[in-house]
Amino acid sequence: MNEQHELYENARSRVQQKKRLYFHFILFLVGSIFFIVLNKVFNLDVILFENWFIWTIVLWFFFLVLHFINVFITNRFMGKDWERKQIDKLVLKQELKIAKLEKEIAYEAKLKAESEQYAAELKKKKTPQDNQAKE
């Protein structure tokens, strides 16, 4: 249920992003027309600088392109799904490292136990021989 809610929230977020981008595009079109009409009606070329409205529209278009890239390109590669996959990959990598370390520790413990057992057996064998040598 939690995963389904997360998918719904992710989809809702994407729809909101696209909706804001489309609104930005409509606002850009209306604003561009407004700047052109404003320049023609009030003859602002004389007051400001020549072709000011073109530079304004070009700058606004640049921001619209950045917005588009953010919604359709960057978010696709680095969105929630990408983030979840990266987290899962790192968790798996850590789990594998932990399993490997646990295996190494178990192997070393086994070697230590075998070594101690062998040392104890040698000690037992050595004691009777030492007693015979002393006699």
N, C-alpha and C. Protein backbone atom coordinates (compact mmCIF):
# COMPACT_ATOMS: atom_id res chain seq x y z
N MET A 1 0.83 -1.20 0.00
CA MET A 1 0.00 0.00 0.00
C MET A 1 0.87 1.26 0.00
N ASN A 2 1.94 1.23 0.79
CA ASN A 2 2.84 2.37 0.88
C ASN A 2 3.52 2.63 -0.47
N GLU A 3 3.93 1.56 -1.14
CA GLU A 3 4.58 1.70 -2.45
C GLU A 3 3.61 2.29 -3.47
N GLN A 4 2.35 1.86 -3.40
CA GLN A 4 1.34 2.37 -4.33
C GLN A 4 1.11 3.87 -4.08
N HIS A 5 1.10 4.28 -2.81
CA HIS A 5 0.93 5.69 -2.48
C HIS A 5 2.13 6.50 -2.99
N GLU A 6 3.32 5.93 -2.85
CA GLU A 6 4.53 6.60 -3.32
C GLU A 6 4.50 6.77 -4.85
N LEU A 7 4.04 5.74 -5.56
CA LEU A 7 3.91 5.85 -7.02
C LEU A 7 2.90 6.93 -7.39
N TYR A 8 1.79 6.99 -6.66
CA TYR A 8 0.78 8.01 -6.92
C TYR A 8 1.35 9.41 -6.70
N GLU A 9 2.07 9.59 -5.59
CA GLU A 9 2.65 10.91 -5.30
C GLU A 9 3.69 11.30 -6.35
N ASN A 10 4.47 10.33 -6.80
CA ASN A 10 5.46 10.60 -7.84
C ASN A 10 4.76 11.03 -9.13
N ALA A 11 3.71 10.32 -9.51
CA ALA A 11 2.96 10.67 -10.72
C ALA A 11 2.32 12.05 -10.58
N ARG A 12 1.76 12.33 -9.42
CA ARG A 12 1.12 13.63 -9.19
C ARG A 12 2.16 14.76 -9.29
N SER A 13 3.34 14.51 -8.74
CA SER A 13 4.41 15.50 -8.81
C SER A 13 4.83 15.76 -10.26
N ARG A 14 4.94 14.69 -11.06
CA ARG A 14 5.32 14.86 -12.47
C ARG A 14 4.26 15.64 -13.23
N VAL A 15 2.99 15.37 -12.96
CA VAL A 15 1.91 16.10 -13.63
C VAL A 15 1.98 17.58 -13.26
N GLN A 16 2.26 17.88 -12.00
CA GLN A 16 2.39 19.28 -11.58
C GLN A 16 3.55 19.96 -12.29
N GLN A 17 4.68 19.26 -12.43
CA GLN A 17 5.83 19.84 -13.13
C GLN A 17 5.47 20.16 -14.58
N LYS A 18 4.83 19.21 -15.25
CA LYS A 18 4.46 19.44 -16.65
C LYS A 18 3.44 20.56 -16.77
N LYS A 19 2.50 20.60 -15.83
CA LYS A 19 1.47 21.64 -15.85
C LYS A 19 2.12 23.03 -15.71
N ARG A 20 3.10 23.15 -14.80
CA ARG A 20 3.80 24.43 -14.63
C ARG A 20 4.60 24.80 -15.88
N LEU A 21 5.18 23.79 -16.55
CA LEU A 21 5.93 24.06 -17.78
C LEU A 21 5.00 24.56 -18.87
N TYR A 22 3.85 23.92 -19.04
CA TYR A 22 2.90 24.35 -20.06
C TYR A 22 2.38 25.76 -19.75
N PHE A 23 2.15 26.04 -18.48
CA PHE A 23 1.72 27.39 -18.10
C PHE A 23 2.82 28.39 -18.41
N HIS A 24 4.05 28.03 -18.14
CA HIS A 24 5.19 28.90 -18.44
C HIS A 24 5.25 29.18 -19.95
N PHE A 25 5.02 28.15 -20.76
CA PHE A 25 5.05 28.33 -22.22
C PHE A 25 3.95 29.29 -22.67
N ILE A 26 2.73 29.12 -22.16
CA ILE A 26 1.61 30.01 -22.54
C ILE A 26 1.93 31.44 -22.08
N LEU A 27 2.45 31.57 -20.87
CA LEU A 27 2.81 32.88 -20.36
C LEU A 27 3.90 33.52 -21.23
N PHE A 28 4.84 32.71 -21.69
CA PHE A 28 5.90 33.19 -22.58
C PHE A 28 5.31 33.73 -23.88
N LEU A 29 4.39 32.98 -24.49
CA LEU A 29 3.77 33.44 -25.74
C LEU A 29 3.01 34.74 -25.54
N VAL A 30 2.18 34.79 -24.52
CA VAL A 30 1.39 35.99 -24.26
C VAL A 30 2.31 37.16 -23.91
N GLY A 31 3.32 36.91 -23.08
CA GLY A 31 4.25 37.96 -22.70
C GLY A 31 5.04 38.49 -23.88
N SER A 32 5.46 37.60 -24.77
CA SER A 32 6.21 38.02 -25.96
C SER A 32 5.37 38.92 -26.84
N ILE A 33 4.14 38.52 -27.05
CA ILE A 33 3.22 39.36 -27.85
C ILE A 33 3.01 40.70 -27.16
N PHE A 34 2.86 40.68 -25.85
CA PHE A 34 2.68 41.92 -25.08
C PHE A 34 3.89 42.83 -25.24
N PHE A 35 5.11 42.30 -25.16
CA PHE A 35 6.31 43.13 -25.33
C PHE A 35 6.38 43.75 -26.72
N ILE A 36 6.03 42.95 -27.74
CA ILE A 36 6.07 43.46 -29.12
C ILE A 36 5.06 44.59 -29.29
N VAL A 37 3.84 44.37 -28.79
CA VAL A 37 2.78 45.40 -28.90
C VAL A 37 3.16 46.63 -28.08
N LEU A 38 3.69 46.41 -26.88
CA LEU A 38 4.11 47.52 -26.02
C LEU A 38 5.16 48.38 -26.72
N ASN A 39 6.10 47.72 -27.38
CA ASN A 39 7.15 48.45 -28.09
C ASN A 39 6.56 49.25 -29.26
N LYS A 40 5.64 48.64 -30.01
CA LYS A 40 5.07 49.34 -31.17
C LYS A 40 4.16 50.48 -30.76
N VAL A 41 3.34 50.27 -29.72
CA VAL A 41 2.37 51.29 -29.32
C VAL A 41 3.06 52.49 -28.66
N PHE A 42 3.97 52.22 -27.72
CA PHE A 42 4.59 53.31 -26.98
C PHE A 42 5.95 53.73 -27.54
N ASN A 43 6.38 53.06 -28.61
CA ASN A 43 7.65 53.39 -29.26
C ASN A 43 8.80 53.46 -28.24
N LEU A 44 8.95 52.39 -27.48
CA LEU A 44 9.95 52.34 -26.41
C LEU A 44 11.38 52.17 -26.92
N ASP A 45 11.54 51.95 -28.22
CA ASP A 45 12.89 51.85 -28.78
C ASP A 45 13.67 53.14 -28.53
N VAL A 46 12.96 54.26 -28.57
CA VAL A 46 13.60 55.56 -28.40
C VAL A 46 13.99 55.77 -26.94
N ILE A 47 13.08 55.42 -26.02
CA ILE A 47 13.30 55.65 -24.59
C ILE A 47 14.34 54.67 -24.04
N LEU A 48 14.17 53.38 -24.31
CA LEU A 48 15.10 52.37 -23.79
C LEU A 48 16.25 52.22 -24.78
N PHE A 49 16.44 51.05 -25.31
CA PHE A 49 17.44 50.86 -26.35
C PHE A 49 16.80 50.06 -27.47
N GLU A 50 17.41 50.14 -28.62
CA GLU A 50 16.83 49.52 -29.80
C GLU A 50 16.74 48.01 -29.63
N ASN A 51 15.61 47.46 -30.03
CA ASN A 51 15.32 46.01 -29.96
C ASN A 51 15.39 45.45 -28.54
N TRP A 52 15.02 46.23 -27.55
CA TRP A 52 15.02 45.76 -26.16
C TRP A 52 14.09 44.58 -25.99
N PHE A 53 12.94 44.60 -26.67
CA PHE A 53 11.95 43.53 -26.51
C PHE A 53 12.46 42.20 -27.06
N ILE A 54 13.30 42.25 -28.09
CA ILE A 54 13.87 41.01 -28.65
C ILE A 54 14.81 40.37 -27.63
N TRP A 55 15.64 41.20 -27.00
CA TRP A 55 16.56 40.65 -25.99
C TRP A 55 15.80 40.11 -24.79
N THR A 56 14.72 40.78 -24.43
CA THR A 56 13.89 40.30 -23.32
C THR A 56 13.26 38.96 -23.66
N ILE A 57 12.74 38.85 -24.87
CA ILE A 57 12.10 37.60 -25.30
C ILE A 57 13.14 36.48 -25.39
N VAL A 58 14.31 36.78 -25.91
CA VAL A 58 15.38 35.77 -26.01
C VAL A 58 15.80 35.29 -24.62
N LEU A 59 15.95 36.20 -23.69
CA LEU A 59 16.31 35.83 -22.32
C LEU A 59 15.22 34.96 -21.68
N TRP A 60 13.98 35.36 -21.87
CA TRP A 60 12.86 34.59 -21.32
C TRP A 60 12.81 33.21 -21.98
N PHE A 61 13.06 33.14 -23.27
CA PHE A 61 13.08 31.86 -23.97
C PHE A 61 14.18 30.95 -23.41
N PHE A 62 15.32 31.54 -23.08
CA PHE A 62 16.41 30.78 -22.46
C PHE A 62 15.94 30.14 -21.15
N PHE A 63 15.23 30.91 -20.32
CA PHE A 63 14.70 30.36 -19.07
C PHE A 63 13.65 29.29 -19.32
N LEU A 64 12.85 29.47 -20.36
CA LEU A 64 11.85 28.45 -20.72
C LEU A 64 12.55 27.16 -21.14
N VAL A 65 13.63 27.25 -21.90
CA VAL A 65 14.40 26.07 -22.31
C VAL A 65 15.00 25.38 -21.09
N LEU A 66 15.52 26.15 -20.15
CA LEU A 66 16.05 25.56 -18.91
C LEU A 66 14.95 24.82 -18.15
N HIS A 67 13.77 25.43 -18.09
CA HIS A 67 12.63 24.79 -17.43
C HIS A 67 12.27 23.48 -18.14
N PHE A 68 12.25 23.50 -19.46
CA PHE A 68 11.96 22.30 -20.24
C PHE A 68 12.99 21.20 -19.96
N ILE A 69 14.26 21.57 -19.96
CA ILE A 69 15.33 20.60 -19.69
C ILE A 69 15.16 20.00 -18.30
N ASN A 70 14.83 20.84 -17.34
CA ASN A 70 14.63 20.36 -15.97
C ASN A 70 13.49 19.35 -15.88
N VAL A 71 12.39 19.62 -16.56
CA VAL A 71 11.21 18.75 -16.47
C VAL A 71 11.38 17.47 -17.27
N PHE A 72 11.85 17.56 -18.50
CA PHE A 72 11.84 16.39 -19.37
C PHE A 72 13.17 15.64 -19.48
N ILE A 73 14.27 16.27 -19.14
CA ILE A 73 15.56 15.59 -19.30
C ILE A 73 16.19 15.31 -17.94
N THR A 74 16.47 16.36 -17.18
CA THR A 74 17.15 16.17 -15.90
C THR A 74 16.32 15.33 -14.94
N ASN A 75 15.04 15.60 -14.86
CA ASN A 75 14.19 14.85 -13.92
C ASN A 75 14.07 13.38 -14.31
N ARG A 76 14.10 13.10 -15.60
CA ARG A 76 14.00 11.70 -16.04
C ARG A 76 15.23 10.92 -15.59
N PHE A 77 16.41 11.55 -15.67
CA PHE A 77 17.63 10.85 -15.30
C PHE A 77 17.91 10.91 -13.80
N MET A 78 17.45 11.96 -13.15
CA MET A 78 17.76 12.11 -11.74
C MET A 78 16.51 12.35 -10.91
N GLY A 79 15.42 11.72 -11.29
CA GLY A 79 14.17 11.85 -10.56
C GLY A 79 14.08 10.84 -9.43
N LYS A 80 12.87 10.62 -8.94
CA LYS A 80 12.64 9.71 -7.82
C LYS A 80 13.03 8.28 -8.17
N ASP A 81 12.71 7.83 -9.38
CA ASP A 81 13.07 6.46 -9.77
C ASP A 81 14.58 6.28 -9.79
N TRP A 82 15.29 7.24 -10.35
CA TRP A 82 16.75 7.17 -10.40
C TRP A 82 17.32 7.15 -8.98
N GLU A 83 16.76 8.01 -8.13
CA GLU A 83 17.23 8.09 -6.75
C GLU A 83 17.00 6.76 -6.03
N ARG A 84 15.83 6.17 -6.22
CA ARG A 84 15.51 4.89 -5.58
C ARG A 84 16.45 3.79 -6.07
N LYS A 85 16.72 3.76 -7.37
CA LYS A 85 17.64 2.75 -7.92
C LYS A 85 19.04 2.92 -7.36
N GLN A 86 19.50 4.16 -7.25
CA GLN A 86 20.83 4.41 -6.71
C GLN A 86 20.93 3.98 -5.25
N ILE A 87 19.90 4.25 -4.48
CA ILE A 87 19.87 3.85 -3.08
C ILE A 87 19.88 2.33 -2.98
N ASP A 88 19.04 1.66 -3.78
CA ASP A 88 19.00 0.20 -3.76
C ASP A 88 20.35 -0.39 -4.14
N LYS A 89 21.00 0.21 -5.13
CA LYS A 89 22.30 -0.28 -5.58
C LYS A 89 23.35 -0.14 -4.46
N LEU A 90 23.35 1.00 -3.78
CA LEU A 90 24.31 1.22 -2.70
C LEU A 90 24.03 0.31 -1.50
N VAL A 91 22.75 0.10 -1.18
CA VAL A 91 22.40 -0.79 -0.08
C VAL A 91 22.86 -2.21 -0.40
N LEU A 92 22.62 -2.66 -1.62
CA LEU A 92 23.06 -4.00 -2.02
C LEU A 92 24.58 -4.12 -1.93
N LYS A 93 25.27 -3.10 -2.38
CA LYS A 93 26.73 -3.11 -2.33
C LYS A 93 27.22 -3.21 -0.88
N GLN A 94 26.59 -2.45 0.02
CA GLN A 94 26.96 -2.51 1.43
C GLN A 94 26.64 -3.88 2.04
N GLU A 95 25.49 -4.44 1.68
CA GLU A 95 25.12 -5.76 2.19
C GLU A 95 26.12 -6.81 1.73
N LEU A 96 26.57 -6.72 0.48
CA LEU A 96 27.57 -7.66 -0.02
C LEU A 96 28.90 -7.51 0.73
N LYS A 97 29.30 -6.28 1.00
CA LYS A 97 30.53 -6.05 1.76
C LYS A 97 30.41 -6.62 3.17
N ILE A 98 29.27 -6.41 3.80
CA ILE A 98 29.04 -6.93 5.15
C ILE A 98 29.07 -8.44 5.15
N ALA A 99 28.41 -9.06 4.16
CA ALA A 99 28.41 -10.52 4.07
C ALA A 99 29.83 -11.05 3.87
N LYS A 100 30.60 -10.37 3.03
CA LYS A 100 31.98 -10.78 2.79
C LYS A 100 32.81 -10.68 4.07
N LEU A 101 32.65 -9.58 4.80
CA LEU A 101 33.37 -9.41 6.06
C LEU A 101 32.97 -10.46 7.09
N GLU A 102 31.67 -10.76 7.16
CA GLU A 102 31.20 -11.79 8.09
C GLU A 102 31.80 -13.15 7.74
N LYS A 103 31.87 -13.43 6.44
CA LYS A 103 32.46 -14.69 5.99
C LYS A 103 33.94 -14.76 6.36
N GLU A 104 34.65 -13.64 6.16
CA GLU A 104 36.07 -13.60 6.52
C GLU A 104 36.26 -13.77 8.02
N ILE A 105 35.42 -13.14 8.82
CA ILE A 105 35.52 -13.26 10.28
C ILE A 105 35.24 -14.70 10.70
N ALA A 106 34.23 -15.32 10.10
CA ALA A 106 33.91 -16.72 10.44
C ALA A 106 35.07 -17.63 10.06
N TYR A 107 35.69 -17.38 8.93
CA TYR A 107 36.83 -18.19 8.49
C TYR A 107 38.00 -18.02 9.45
N GLU A 108 38.28 -16.77 9.82
CA GLU A 108 39.37 -16.51 10.76
C GLU A 108 39.08 -17.13 12.12
N ALA A 109 37.84 -17.09 12.58
CA ALA A 109 37.48 -17.71 13.86
C ALA A 109 37.67 -19.22 13.78
N LYS A 110 37.31 -19.80 12.64
CA LYS A 110 37.49 -21.25 12.45
C LYS A 110 38.98 -21.60 12.50
N LEU A 111 39.79 -20.81 11.79
CA LEU A 111 41.24 -21.06 11.80
C LEU A 111 41.81 -20.91 13.21
N LYS A 112 41.35 -19.91 13.93
CA LYS A 112 41.84 -19.69 15.29
C LYS A 112 41.46 -20.88 16.18
N ALA A 113 40.21 -21.33 16.04
CA ALA A 113 39.75 -22.48 16.85
C ALA A 113 40.56 -23.72 16.51
N GLU A 114 40.78 -23.96 15.22
CA GLU A 114 41.57 -25.12 14.81
C GLU A 114 43.00 -25.00 15.32
N SER A 115 43.55 -23.80 15.27
CA SER A 115 44.91 -23.58 15.74
C SER A 115 45.01 -23.82 17.25
N GLU A 116 44.05 -23.33 18.00
CA GLU A 116 44.03 -23.55 19.45
C GLU A 116 43.87 -25.03 19.78
N GLN A 117 43.01 -25.71 19.01
CA GLN A 117 42.79 -27.14 19.23
C GLN A 117 44.08 -27.91 18.92
N TYR A 118 44.74 -27.55 17.85
CA TYR A 118 46.00 -28.21 17.48
C TYR A 118 47.07 -27.96 18.54
N ALA A 119 47.13 -26.72 19.05
CA ALA A 119 48.10 -26.38 20.10
C ALA A 119 47.81 -27.17 21.37
N ALA A 120 46.53 -27.33 21.68
CA ALA A 120 46.16 -28.09 22.88
C ALA A 120 46.54 -29.56 22.71
N GLU A 121 46.32 -30.10 21.52
CA GLU A 121 46.69 -31.51 21.25
C GLU A 121 48.19 -31.68 21.34
N LEU A 122 48.96 -30.74 20.80
CA LEU A 122 50.42 -30.80 20.88
C LEU A 122 50.88 -30.75 22.33
N LYS A 123 50.22 -29.92 23.11
CA LYS A 123 50.58 -29.78 24.50
C LYS A 123 50.33 -31.10 25.25
N LYS A 124 49.21 -31.75 24.93
CA LYS A 124 48.89 -33.03 25.56
C LYS A 124 49.91 -34.09 25.16
N LYS A 125 50.27 -34.11 23.89
CA LYS A 125 51.25 -35.10 23.41
C LYS A 125 52.63 -34.81 23.99
N LYS A 126 52.94 -33.56 24.16
CA LYS A 126 54.25 -33.17 24.63
C LYS A 126 54.43 -33.53 26.10
N THR A 127 53.41 -33.42 26.88
CA THR A 127 53.51 -33.67 28.31
C THR A 127 53.94 -35.10 28.62
N PRO A 128 53.33 -36.15 28.05
CA PRO A 128 53.80 -37.50 28.36
C PRO A 128 55.24 -37.72 27.88
N GLN A 129 55.57 -37.15 26.77
CA GLN A 129 56.94 -37.33 26.26
C GLN A 129 57.93 -36.64 27.18
N ASP A 130 57.56 -35.48 27.68
CA ASP A 130 58.43 -34.76 28.59
C ASP A 130 58.63 -35.59 29.88
N ASN A 131 57.56 -36.21 30.32
CA ASN A 131 57.65 -37.02 31.53
C ASN A 131 58.60 -38.21 31.30
N GLN A 132 58.54 -38.83 30.13
CA GLN A 132 59.42 -39.97 29.81
C GLN A 132 60.86 -39.48 29.68
N ALA A 133 61.04 -38.34 29.15
CA ALA A 133 62.39 -37.80 28.96
C ALA A 133 63.02 -37.46 30.31
N LYS A 134 62.21 -36.99 31.24
CA LYS A 134 62.72 -36.61 32.55
C LYS A 134 63.13 -37.85 33.35
N GLU A 135 62.46 -38.95 33.10
CA GLU A 135 62.77 -40.19 33.85
C GLU A 135 64.00 -40.76 33.36
